[in-house]
PDB file of N, CA and C in Angstrom:
ATOM      1  N   UNK A   1     -18.056  85.447 157.845  1.00  0.00           N
ATOM      2  CA  UNK A   1     -16.668  85.532 157.455  1.00  0.00           C
ATOM      3  C   UNK A   1     -16.552  86.539 156.311  1.00  0.00           C
ATOM      4  N   UNK A   2     -15.972  87.651 156.613  1.00  0.00           N
ATOM      5  CA  UNK A   2     -15.839  88.692 155.605  1.00  0.00           C
ATOM      6  C   UNK A   2     -14.520  88.623 154.854  1.00  0.00           C
ATOM      7  N   UNK A   3     -13.447  88.319 155.573  1.00  0.00           N
ATOM      8  CA  UNK A   3     -12.118  88.344 154.954  1.00  0.00           C
ATOM      9  C   UNK A   3     -11.663  86.979 154.454  1.00  0.00           C
ATOM     10  N   UNK A   4     -12.281  85.902 154.940  1.00  0.00           N
ATOM     11  CA  UNK A   4     -11.864  84.553 154.554  1.00  0.00           C
ATOM     12  C   UNK A   4     -12.524  84.173 153.233  1.00  0.00           C
ATOM     13  N   UNK A   5     -11.687  83.815 152.263  1.00  0.00           N
ATOM     14  CA  UNK A   5     -12.155  83.423 150.931  1.00  0.00           C
ATOM     15  C   UNK A   5     -11.557  82.059 150.589  1.00  0.00           C
ATOM     16  N   UNK A   6     -12.314  81.282 149.859  1.00  0.00           N
ATOM     17  CA  UNK A   6     -11.825  79.981 149.404  1.00  0.00           C
ATOM     18  C   UNK A   6     -11.347  80.102 147.970  1.00  0.00           C
ATOM     19  N   UNK A   7     -10.113  79.669 147.712  1.00  0.00           N
ATOM     20  CA  UNK A   7      -9.539  79.696 146.365  1.00  0.00           C
ATOM     21  C   UNK A   7     -10.318  78.737 145.460  1.00  0.00           C
ATOM     22  N   UNK A   8     -10.678  77.570 146.022  1.00  0.00           N
ATOM     23  CA  UNK A   8     -11.383  76.556 145.226  1.00  0.00           C
ATOM     24  C   UNK A   8     -12.567  76.009 146.002  1.00  0.00           C
ATOM     25  N   UNK A   9     -13.632  75.702 145.269  1.00  0.00           N
ATOM     26  CA  UNK A   9     -14.839  75.156 145.896  1.00  0.00           C
ATOM     27  C   UNK A   9     -14.598  73.789 146.519  1.00  0.00           C
ATOM     28  N   UNK A  10     -13.683  72.997 145.955  1.00  0.00           N
ATOM     29  CA  UNK A  10     -13.473  71.653 146.490  1.00  0.00           C
ATOM     30  C   UNK A  10     -12.964  71.687 147.931  1.00  0.00           C
ATOM     31  N   UNK A  11     -12.226  72.712 148.295  1.00  0.00           N
ATOM     32  CA  UNK A  11     -11.753  72.834 149.683  1.00  0.00           C
ATOM     33  C   UNK A  11     -12.929  73.121 150.611  1.00  0.00           C
ATOM     34  N   UNK A  12     -13.797  74.026 150.195  1.00  0.00           N
ATOM     35  CA  UNK A  12     -15.006  74.333 150.972  1.00  0.00           C
ATOM     36  C   UNK A  12     -15.877  73.084 151.106  1.00  0.00           C
ATOM     37  N   UNK A  13     -16.056  72.366 150.014  1.00  0.00           N
ATOM     38  CA  UNK A  13     -16.870  71.143 150.022  1.00  0.00           C
ATOM     39  C   UNK A  13     -16.246  70.073 150.921  1.00  0.00           C
ATOM     40  N   UNK A  14     -14.919  69.965 150.912  1.00  0.00           N
ATOM     41  CA  UNK A  14     -14.232  69.000 151.780  1.00  0.00           C
ATOM     42  C   UNK A  14     -14.561  69.293 153.245  1.00  0.00           C
ATOM     43  N   UNK A  15     -14.474  70.557 153.640  1.00  0.00           N
ATOM     44  CA  UNK A  15     -14.752  70.920 155.034  1.00  0.00           C
ATOM     45  C   UNK A  15     -16.213  70.640 155.368  1.00  0.00           C
ATOM     46  N   UNK A  16     -17.122  70.973 154.451  1.00  0.00           N
ATOM     47  CA  UNK A  16     -18.552  70.700 154.667  1.00  0.00           C
ATOM     48  C   UNK A  16     -18.835  69.209 154.788  1.00  0.00           C
ATOM     49  N   UNK A  17     -18.025  68.376 154.127  1.00  0.00           N
ATOM     50  CA  UNK A  17     -18.273  66.935 154.124  1.00  0.00           C
ATOM     51  C   UNK A  17     -17.799  66.238 155.403  1.00  0.00           C
ATOM     52  N   UNK A  18     -17.058  66.952 156.230  1.00  0.00           N
ATOM     53  CA  UNK A  18     -16.569  66.356 157.480  1.00  0.00           C
ATOM     54  C   UNK A  18     -17.745  66.085 158.414  1.00  0.00           C
ATOM     55  N   UNK A  19     -17.506  65.258 159.408  1.00  0.00           N
ATOM     56  CA  UNK A  19     -18.480  65.018 160.469  1.00  0.00           C
ATOM     57  C   UNK A  19     -18.989  66.377 160.974  1.00  0.00           C
ATOM     58  N   UNK A  20     -20.283  66.470 161.273  1.00  0.00           N
ATOM     59  CA  UNK A  20     -20.888  67.759 161.640  1.00  0.00           C
ATOM     60  C   UNK A  20     -20.125  68.510 162.722  1.00  0.00           C
ATOM     61  N   UNK A  21     -19.775  67.819 163.803  1.00  0.00           N
ATOM     62  CA  UNK A  21     -19.071  68.490 164.907  1.00  0.00           C
ATOM     63  C   UNK A  21     -17.711  69.018 164.463  1.00  0.00           C
ATOM     64  N   UNK A  22     -17.024  68.239 163.644  1.00  0.00           N
ATOM     65  CA  UNK A  22     -15.708  68.644 163.166  1.00  0.00           C
ATOM     66  C   UNK A  22     -15.828  69.821 162.197  1.00  0.00           C
ATOM     67  N   UNK A  23     -16.816  69.771 161.315  1.00  0.00           N
ATOM     68  CA  UNK A  23     -17.026  70.872 160.371  1.00  0.00           C
ATOM     69  C   UNK A  23     -17.347  72.165 161.132  1.00  0.00           C
ATOM     70  N   UNK A  24     -18.150  72.057 162.172  1.00  0.00           N
ATOM     71  CA  UNK A  24     -18.489  73.230 162.992  1.00  0.00           C
ATOM     72  C   UNK A  24     -17.226  73.794 163.643  1.00  0.00           C
ATOM     73  N   UNK A  25     -16.358  72.905 164.124  1.00  0.00           N
ATOM     74  CA  UNK A  25     -15.087  73.327 164.717  1.00  0.00           C
ATOM     75  C   UNK A  25     -14.222  74.084 163.706  1.00  0.00           C
ATOM     76  N   UNK A  26     -14.126  73.527 162.498  1.00  0.00           N
ATOM     77  CA  UNK A  26     -13.290  74.134 161.457  1.00  0.00           C
ATOM     78  C   UNK A  26     -13.844  75.508 161.081  1.00  0.00           C
ATOM     79  N   UNK A  27     -15.144  75.580 160.784  1.00  0.00           N
ATOM     80  CA  UNK A  27     -15.730  76.867 160.390  1.00  0.00           C
ATOM     81  C   UNK A  27     -15.680  77.871 161.542  1.00  0.00           C
ATOM     82  N   UNK A  28     -15.805  77.381 162.778  1.00  0.00           N
ATOM     83  CA  UNK A  28     -15.689  78.258 163.951  1.00  0.00           C
ATOM     84  C   UNK A  28     -14.301  78.868 164.058  1.00  0.00           C
ATOM     85  N   UNK A  29     -13.287  78.046 163.821  1.00  0.00           N
ATOM     86  CA  UNK A  29     -11.914  78.555 163.884  1.00  0.00           C
ATOM     87  C   UNK A  29     -11.629  79.499 162.712  1.00  0.00           C
ATOM     88  N   UNK A  30     -12.235  79.234 161.556  1.00  0.00           N
ATOM     89  CA  UNK A  30     -12.097  80.164 160.427  1.00  0.00           C
ATOM     90  C   UNK A  30     -12.732  81.515 160.759  1.00  0.00           C
ATOM     91  N   UNK A  31     -13.838  81.501 161.511  1.00  0.00           N
ATOM     92  CA  UNK A  31     -14.476  82.750 161.955  1.00  0.00           C
ATOM     93  C   UNK A  31     -13.532  83.544 162.857  1.00  0.00           C
ATOM     94  N   UNK A  32     -12.889  82.827 163.787  1.00  0.00           N
ATOM     95  CA  UNK A  32     -11.943  83.473 164.704  1.00  0.00           C
ATOM     96  C   UNK A  32     -10.758  84.028 163.912  1.00  0.00           C
ATOM     97  N   UNK A  33     -10.274  83.249 162.934  1.00  0.00           N
ATOM     98  CA  UNK A  33      -9.186  83.715 162.077  1.00  0.00           C
ATOM     99  C   UNK A  33      -9.612  84.973 161.326  1.00  0.00           C
ATOM    100  N   UNK A  34     -10.856  85.010 160.871  1.00  0.00           N
ATOM    101  CA  UNK A  34     -11.402  86.167 160.162  1.00  0.00           C
ATOM    102  C   UNK A  34     -11.311  87.422 161.031  1.00  0.00           C
ATOM    103  N   UNK A  35     -11.579  87.251 162.316  1.00  0.00           N
ATOM    104  CA  UNK A  35     -11.565  88.387 163.240  1.00  0.00           C
ATOM    105  C   UNK A  35     -10.157  88.775 163.670  1.00  0.00           C
ATOM    106  N   UNK A  36      -9.326  87.787 163.973  1.00  0.00           N
ATOM    107  CA  UNK A  36      -8.013  88.060 164.561  1.00  0.00           C
ATOM    108  C   UNK A  36      -6.859  88.097 163.551  1.00  0.00           C
ATOM    109  N   UNK A  37      -7.025  87.444 162.405  1.00  0.00           N
ATOM    110  CA  UNK A  37      -5.942  87.393 161.428  1.00  0.00           C
ATOM    111  C   UNK A  37      -4.692  86.773 162.029  1.00  0.00           C
ATOM    112  N   UNK A  38      -3.552  87.355 161.720  1.00  0.00           N
ATOM    113  CA  UNK A  38      -2.268  86.831 162.208  1.00  0.00           C
ATOM    114  C   UNK A  38      -2.145  86.876 163.729  1.00  0.00           C
ATOM    115  N   UNK A  39      -2.967  87.671 164.374  1.00  0.00           N
ATOM    116  CA  UNK A  39      -2.920  87.752 165.839  1.00  0.00           C
ATOM    117  C   UNK A  39      -3.399  86.462 166.502  1.00  0.00           C
ATOM    118  N   UNK A  40      -4.033  85.580 165.737  1.00  0.00           N
ATOM    119  CA  UNK A  40      -4.449  84.284 166.293  1.00  0.00           C
ATOM    120  C   UNK A  40      -3.225  83.534 166.801  1.00  0.00           C
ATOM    121  N   UNK A  41      -2.176  83.503 166.001  1.00  0.00           N
ATOM    122  CA  UNK A  41      -0.886  82.958 166.428  1.00  0.00           C
ATOM    123  C   UNK A  41      -0.886  81.508 166.868  1.00  0.00           C
ATOM    124  N   UNK A  42       0.306  81.032 167.308  1.00  0.00           N
ATOM    125  CA  UNK A  42       0.461  79.649 167.763  1.00  0.00           C
ATOM    126  C   UNK A  42      -0.330  79.415 169.056  1.00  0.00           C
ATOM    127  N   UNK A  43      -0.799  78.234 169.315  1.00  0.00           N
ATOM    128  CA  UNK A  43      -0.611  76.998 168.541  1.00  0.00           C
ATOM    129  C   UNK A  43      -1.662  76.801 167.439  1.00  0.00           C
ATOM    130  N   UNK A  44      -2.665  77.644 167.367  1.00  0.00           N
ATOM    131  CA  UNK A  44      -3.726  77.462 166.362  1.00  0.00           C
ATOM    132  C   UNK A  44      -3.279  77.828 164.952  1.00  0.00           C
ATOM    133  N   UNK A  45      -2.431  78.840 164.820  1.00  0.00           N
ATOM    134  CA  UNK A  45      -1.979  79.297 163.511  1.00  0.00           C
ATOM    135  C   UNK A  45      -0.459  79.282 163.496  1.00  0.00           C
ATOM    136  N   UNK A  46       0.097  78.536 162.550  1.00  0.00           N
ATOM    137  CA  UNK A  46       1.547  78.367 162.496  1.00  0.00           C
ATOM    138  C   UNK A  46       2.039  78.669 161.084  1.00  0.00           C
ATOM    139  N   UNK A  47       3.131  79.422 160.989  1.00  0.00           N
ATOM    140  CA  UNK A  47       3.726  79.747 159.694  1.00  0.00           C
ATOM    141  C   UNK A  47       4.503  78.534 159.180  1.00  0.00           C
ATOM    142  N   UNK A  48       4.210  78.126 157.930  1.00  0.00           N
ATOM    143  CA  UNK A  48       4.842  76.950 157.344  1.00  0.00           C
ATOM    144  C   UNK A  48       5.911  77.361 156.334  1.00  0.00           C
ATOM    145  N   UNK A  49       5.574  78.304 155.460  1.00  0.00           N
ATOM    146  CA  UNK A  49       6.529  78.857 154.505  1.00  0.00           C
ATOM    147  C   UNK A  49       6.389  80.375 154.596  1.00  0.00           C
ATOM    148  N   UNK A  50       7.081  81.067 153.721  1.00  0.00           N
ATOM    149  CA  UNK A  50       7.019  82.528 153.735  1.00  0.00           C
ATOM    150  C   UNK A  50       5.584  83.029 153.561  1.00  0.00           C
ATOM    151  N   UNK A  51       4.781  82.296 152.790  1.00  0.00           N
ATOM    152  CA  UNK A  51       3.431  82.755 152.492  1.00  0.00           C
ATOM    153  C   UNK A  51       2.309  81.842 152.984  1.00  0.00           C
ATOM    154  N   UNK A  52       2.637  80.623 153.386  1.00  0.00           N
ATOM    155  CA  UNK A  52       1.604  79.651 153.767  1.00  0.00           C
ATOM    156  C   UNK A  52       1.571  79.461 155.276  1.00  0.00           C
ATOM    157  N   UNK A  53       0.347  79.498 155.809  1.00  0.00           N
ATOM    158  CA  UNK A  53       0.114  79.274 157.228  1.00  0.00           C
ATOM    159  C   UNK A  53      -0.759  78.043 157.400  1.00  0.00           C
ATOM    160  N   UNK A  54      -0.570  77.386 158.530  1.00  0.00           N
ATOM    161  CA  UNK A  54      -1.340  76.192 158.851  1.00  0.00           C
ATOM    162  C   UNK A  54      -2.278  76.527 160.008  1.00  0.00           C
ATOM    163  N   UNK A  55      -3.575  76.347 159.766  1.00  0.00           N
ATOM    164  CA  UNK A  55      -4.584  76.495 160.809  1.00  0.00           C
ATOM    165  C   UNK A  55      -4.827  75.102 161.360  1.00  0.00           C
ATOM    166  N   UNK A  56      -4.642  74.939 162.668  1.00  0.00           N
ATOM    167  CA  UNK A  56      -4.648  73.608 163.259  1.00  0.00           C
ATOM    168  C   UNK A  56      -5.927  73.364 164.048  1.00  0.00           C
ATOM    169  N   UNK A  57      -6.682  72.354 163.621  1.00  0.00           N
ATOM    170  CA  UNK A  57      -7.892  71.954 164.311  1.00  0.00           C
ATOM    171  C   UNK A  57      -7.602  70.589 164.911  1.00  0.00           C
ATOM    172  N   UNK A  58      -7.559  70.542 166.231  1.00  0.00           N
ATOM    173  CA  UNK A  58      -7.167  69.326 166.936  1.00  0.00           C
ATOM    174  C   UNK A  58      -8.384  68.575 167.454  1.00  0.00           C
ATOM    175  N   UNK A  59      -8.228  67.277 167.603  1.00  0.00           N
ATOM    176  CA  UNK A  59      -9.284  66.422 168.119  1.00  0.00           C
ATOM    177  C   UNK A  59      -8.940  64.987 167.785  1.00  0.00           C
ATOM    178  N   UNK A  60      -9.942  64.100 167.889  1.00  0.00           N
ATOM    179  CA  UNK A  60      -9.702  62.703 167.500  1.00  0.00           C
ATOM    180  C   UNK A  60      -9.198  62.663 166.072  1.00  0.00           C
ATOM    181  N   UNK A  61      -9.793  63.507 165.243  1.00  0.00           N
ATOM    182  CA  UNK A  61      -9.339  63.663 163.863  1.00  0.00           C
ATOM    183  C   UNK A  61      -8.770  65.072 163.757  1.00  0.00           C
ATOM    184  N   UNK A  62      -7.527  65.176 163.330  1.00  0.00           N
ATOM    185  CA  UNK A  62      -6.891  66.481 163.186  1.00  0.00           C
ATOM    186  C   UNK A  62      -7.013  66.968 161.751  1.00  0.00           C
ATOM    187  N   UNK A  63      -7.538  68.166 161.596  1.00  0.00           N
ATOM    188  CA  UNK A  63      -7.673  68.768 160.278  1.00  0.00           C
ATOM    189  C   UNK A  63      -6.703  69.933 160.193  1.00  0.00           C
ATOM    190  N   UNK A  64      -6.107  70.094 159.027  1.00  0.00           N
ATOM    191  CA  UNK A  64      -5.231  71.231 158.776  1.00  0.00           C
ATOM    192  C   UNK A  64      -5.792  72.017 157.605  1.00  0.00           C
ATOM    193  N   UNK A  65      -5.847  73.327 157.783  1.00  0.00           N
ATOM    194  CA  UNK A  65      -6.281  74.227 156.735  1.00  0.00           C
ATOM    195  C   UNK A  65      -5.077  75.088 156.394  1.00  0.00           C
ATOM    196  N   UNK A  66      -4.639  75.028 155.150  1.00  0.00           N
ATOM    197  CA  UNK A  66      -3.504  75.829 154.709  1.00  0.00           C
ATOM    198  C   UNK A  66      -4.057  77.100 154.078  1.00  0.00           C
ATOM    199  N   UNK A  67      -3.546  78.233 154.541  1.00  0.00           N
ATOM    200  CA  UNK A  67      -4.077  79.513 154.080  1.00  0.00           C
ATOM    201  C   UNK A  67      -2.951  80.518 153.895  1.00  0.00           C
ATOM    202  N   UNK A  68      -3.318  81.663 153.331  1.00  0.00           N
ATOM    203  CA  UNK A  68      -2.361  82.739 153.130  1.00  0.00           C
ATOM    204  C   UNK A  68      -3.057  84.068 153.352  1.00  0.00           C
ATOM    205  N   UNK A  69      -2.264  85.074 153.641  1.00  0.00           N
ATOM    206  CA  UNK A  69      -2.772  86.430 153.837  1.00  0.00           C
ATOM    207  C   UNK A  69      -2.320  87.246 152.636  1.00  0.00           C
ATOM    208  N   UNK A  70      -3.285  87.866 151.965  1.00  0.00           N
ATOM    209  CA  UNK A  70      -2.982  88.606 150.739  1.00  0.00           C
ATOM    210  C   UNK A  70      -3.817  89.878 150.773  1.00  0.00           C
ATOM    211  N   UNK A  71      -3.141  91.021 150.885  1.00  0.00           N
ATOM    212  CA  UNK A  71      -3.880  92.270 151.065  1.00  0.00           C
ATOM    213  C   UNK A  71      -4.612  92.210 152.394  1.00  0.00           C
ATOM    214  N   UNK A  72      -5.883  92.534 152.381  1.00  0.00           N
ATOM    215  CA  UNK A  72      -6.686  92.483 153.608  1.00  0.00           C
ATOM    216  C   UNK A  72      -7.510  91.196 153.677  1.00  0.00           C
ATOM    217  N   UNK A  73      -7.236  90.265 152.766  1.00  0.00           N
ATOM    218  CA  UNK A  73      -8.011  89.027 152.679  1.00  0.00           C
ATOM    219  C   UNK A  73      -7.204  87.846 153.213  1.00  0.00           C
ATOM    220  N   UNK A  74      -7.944  86.807 153.606  1.00  0.00           N
ATOM    221  CA  UNK A  74      -7.343  85.546 154.032  1.00  0.00           C
ATOM    222  C   UNK A  74      -7.867  84.498 153.060  1.00  0.00           C
ATOM    223  N   UNK A  75      -6.967  83.835 152.360  1.00  0.00           N
ATOM    224  CA  UNK A  75      -7.378  82.847 151.361  1.00  0.00           C
ATOM    225  C   UNK A  75      -7.090  81.437 151.849  1.00  0.00           C
ATOM    226  N   UNK A  76      -8.116  80.595 151.833  1.00  0.00           N
ATOM    227  CA  UNK A  76      -7.962  79.183 152.159  1.00  0.00           C
ATOM    228  C   UNK A  76      -7.484  78.493 150.895  1.00  0.00           C
ATOM    229  N   UNK A  77      -6.299  77.914 150.971  1.00  0.00           N
ATOM    230  CA  UNK A  77      -5.678  77.282 149.813  1.00  0.00           C
ATOM    231  C   UNK A  77      -6.015  75.802 149.703  1.00  0.00           C
ATOM    232  N   UNK A  78      -6.031  75.117 150.862  1.00  0.00           N
ATOM    233  CA  UNK A  78      -6.199  73.663 150.856  1.00  0.00           C
ATOM    234  C   UNK A  78      -6.534  73.213 152.272  1.00  0.00           C
ATOM    235  N   UNK A  79      -7.204  72.075 152.386  1.00  0.00           N
ATOM    236  CA  UNK A  79      -7.495  71.484 153.699  1.00  0.00           C
ATOM    237  C   UNK A  79      -7.376  69.971 153.577  1.00  0.00           C
ATOM    238  N   UNK A  80      -6.955  69.341 154.655  1.00  0.00           N
ATOM    239  CA  UNK A  80      -6.797  67.886 154.640  1.00  0.00           C
ATOM    240  C   UNK A  80      -6.818  67.353 156.070  1.00  0.00           C
ATOM    241  N   UNK A  81      -7.017  66.035 156.173  1.00  0.00           N
ATOM    242  CA  UNK A  81      -6.955  65.367 157.471  1.00  0.00           C
ATOM    243  C   UNK A  81      -5.508  64.964 157.690  1.00  0.00           C
ATOM    244  N   UNK A  82      -4.970  65.380 158.821  1.00  0.00           N
ATOM    245  CA  UNK A  82      -3.559  65.119 159.109  1.00  0.00           C
ATOM    246  C   UNK A  82      -3.429  63.766 159.796  1.00  0.00           C
ATOM    247  N   UNK A  83      -2.590  62.909 159.221  1.00  0.00           N
ATOM    248  CA  UNK A  83      -2.429  61.553 159.743  1.00  0.00           C
ATOM    249  C   UNK A  83      -1.051  61.291 160.323  1.00  0.00           C
ATOM    250  N   UNK A  84      -0.116  62.225 160.123  1.00  0.00           N
ATOM    251  CA  UNK A  84       1.242  62.030 160.634  1.00  0.00           C
ATOM    252  C   UNK A  84       1.751  63.341 161.218  1.00  0.00           C
ATOM    253  N   UNK A  85       2.917  63.304 161.819  1.00  0.00           N
ATOM    254  CA  UNK A  85       3.490  64.493 162.451  1.00  0.00           C
ATOM    255  C   UNK A  85       3.771  65.605 161.447  1.00  0.00           C
ATOM    256  N   UNK A  86       4.332  65.240 160.303  1.00  0.00           N
ATOM    257  CA  UNK A  86       4.711  66.237 159.304  1.00  0.00           C
ATOM    258  C   UNK A  86       3.602  66.405 158.270  1.00  0.00           C
ATOM    259  N   UNK A  87       3.580  67.577 157.668  1.00  0.00           N
ATOM    260  CA  UNK A  87       2.639  67.818 156.575  1.00  0.00           C
ATOM    261  C   UNK A  87       3.152  67.040 155.362  1.00  0.00           C
ATOM    262  N   UNK A  88       2.307  66.181 154.789  1.00  0.00           N
ATOM    263  CA  UNK A  88       2.754  65.456 153.596  1.00  0.00           C
ATOM    264  C   UNK A  88       3.141  66.441 152.486  1.00  0.00           C
ATOM    265  N   UNK A  89       4.272  66.223 151.835  1.00  0.00           N
ATOM    266  CA  UNK A  89       4.746  67.156 150.803  1.00  0.00           C
ATOM    267  C   UNK A  89       3.708  67.457 149.728  1.00  0.00           C
ATOM    268  N   UNK A  90       2.916  66.444 149.302  1.00  0.00           N
ATOM    269  CA  UNK A  90       1.944  66.688 148.234  1.00  0.00           C
ATOM    270  C   UNK A  90       0.846  67.647 148.690  1.00  0.00           C
ATOM    271  N   UNK A  91       0.513  67.645 149.980  1.00  0.00           N
ATOM    272  CA  UNK A  91      -0.511  68.561 150.498  1.00  0.00           C
ATOM    273  C   UNK A  91       0.021  69.995 150.478  1.00  0.00           C
ATOM    274  N   UNK A  92       1.265  70.172 150.890  1.00  0.00           N
ATOM    275  CA  UNK A  92       1.875  71.495 150.889  1.00  0.00           C
ATOM    276  C   UNK A  92       2.074  71.996 149.452  1.00  0.00           C
ATOM    277  N   UNK A  93       2.475  71.094 148.575  1.00  0.00           N
ATOM    278  CA  UNK A  93       2.665  71.470 147.164  1.00  0.00           C
ATOM    279  C   UNK A  93       1.361  71.970 146.549  1.00  0.00           C
ATOM    280  N   UNK A  94       0.242  71.318 146.902  1.00  0.00           N
ATOM    281  CA  UNK A  94      -1.066  71.754 146.400  1.00  0.00           C
ATOM    282  C   UNK A  94      -1.341  73.190 146.811  1.00  0.00           C
ATOM    283  N   UNK A  95      -1.083  73.490 148.077  1.00  0.00           N
ATOM    284  CA  UNK A  95      -1.328  74.841 148.595  1.00  0.00           C
ATOM    285  C   UNK A  95      -0.415  75.852 147.904  1.00  0.00           C
ATOM    286  N   UNK A  96       0.838  75.511 147.754  1.00  0.00           N
ATOM    287  CA  UNK A  96       1.793  76.423 147.112  1.00  0.00           C
ATOM    288  C   UNK A  96       1.402  76.663 145.659  1.00  0.00           C
ATOM    289  N   UNK A  97       0.967  75.614 144.974  1.00  0.00           N
ATOM    290  CA  UNK A  97       0.523  75.767 143.588  1.00  0.00           C
ATOM    291  C   UNK A  97      -0.676  76.728 143.510  1.00  0.00           C
ATOM    292  N   UNK A  98      -1.580  76.631 144.462  1.00  0.00           N
ATOM    293  CA  UNK A  98      -2.777  77.479 144.451  1.00  0.00           C
ATOM    294  C   UNK A  98      -2.461  78.951 144.760  1.00  0.00           C
ATOM    295  N   UNK A  99      -1.294  79.194 145.320  1.00  0.00           N
ATOM    296  CA  UNK A  99      -0.865  80.587 145.531  1.00  0.00           C
ATOM    297  C   UNK A  99      -0.756  81.328 144.207  1.00  0.00           C
ATOM    298  N   UNK A 100      -0.469  80.581 143.138  1.00  0.00           N
ATOM    299  CA  UNK A 100      -0.307  81.230 141.831  1.00  0.00           C
ATOM    300  C   UNK A 100      -1.596  81.893 141.367  1.00  0.00           C
ATOM    301  N   UNK A 101      -2.751  81.465 141.884  1.00  0.00           N
ATOM    302  CA  UNK A 101      -4.019  82.113 141.529  1.00  0.00           C
ATOM    303  C   UNK A 101      -4.055  83.556 142.040  1.00  0.00           C
ATOM    304  N   UNK A 102      -3.252  83.860 143.047  1.00  0.00           N
ATOM    305  CA  UNK A 102      -3.271  85.195 143.659  1.00  0.00           C
ATOM    306  C   UNK A 102      -2.235  86.130 143.056  1.00  0.00           C
ATOM    307  N   UNK A 103      -1.235  85.591 142.402  1.00  0.00           N
ATOM    308  CA  UNK A 103      -0.150  86.423 141.880  1.00  0.00           C
ATOM    309  C   UNK A 103      -0.326  86.742 140.415  1.00  0.00           C
TER     310      UNK A 103
END
């Protein structure tokens, strides 16, 4: 992954701590995102706000990775296990707050 960067180590550690198969799925999709960028598109990549995108990893356990595109880089802002239809506001707020590290 050349263009994908993690804003915080805790997000990387969270993904590493997932079940092995799920972690492999997440890192695999991040690799694809690294190659395709915004061309990955729906349903795997969905725009949530003007600057935040949701990378969707589906399965028995659904993981969401919130990221942004800044310059030629892709920054992972936050990741969490999705338990409901909507993104919990506190999860989105965390990602939006972490955008300030880039500005």
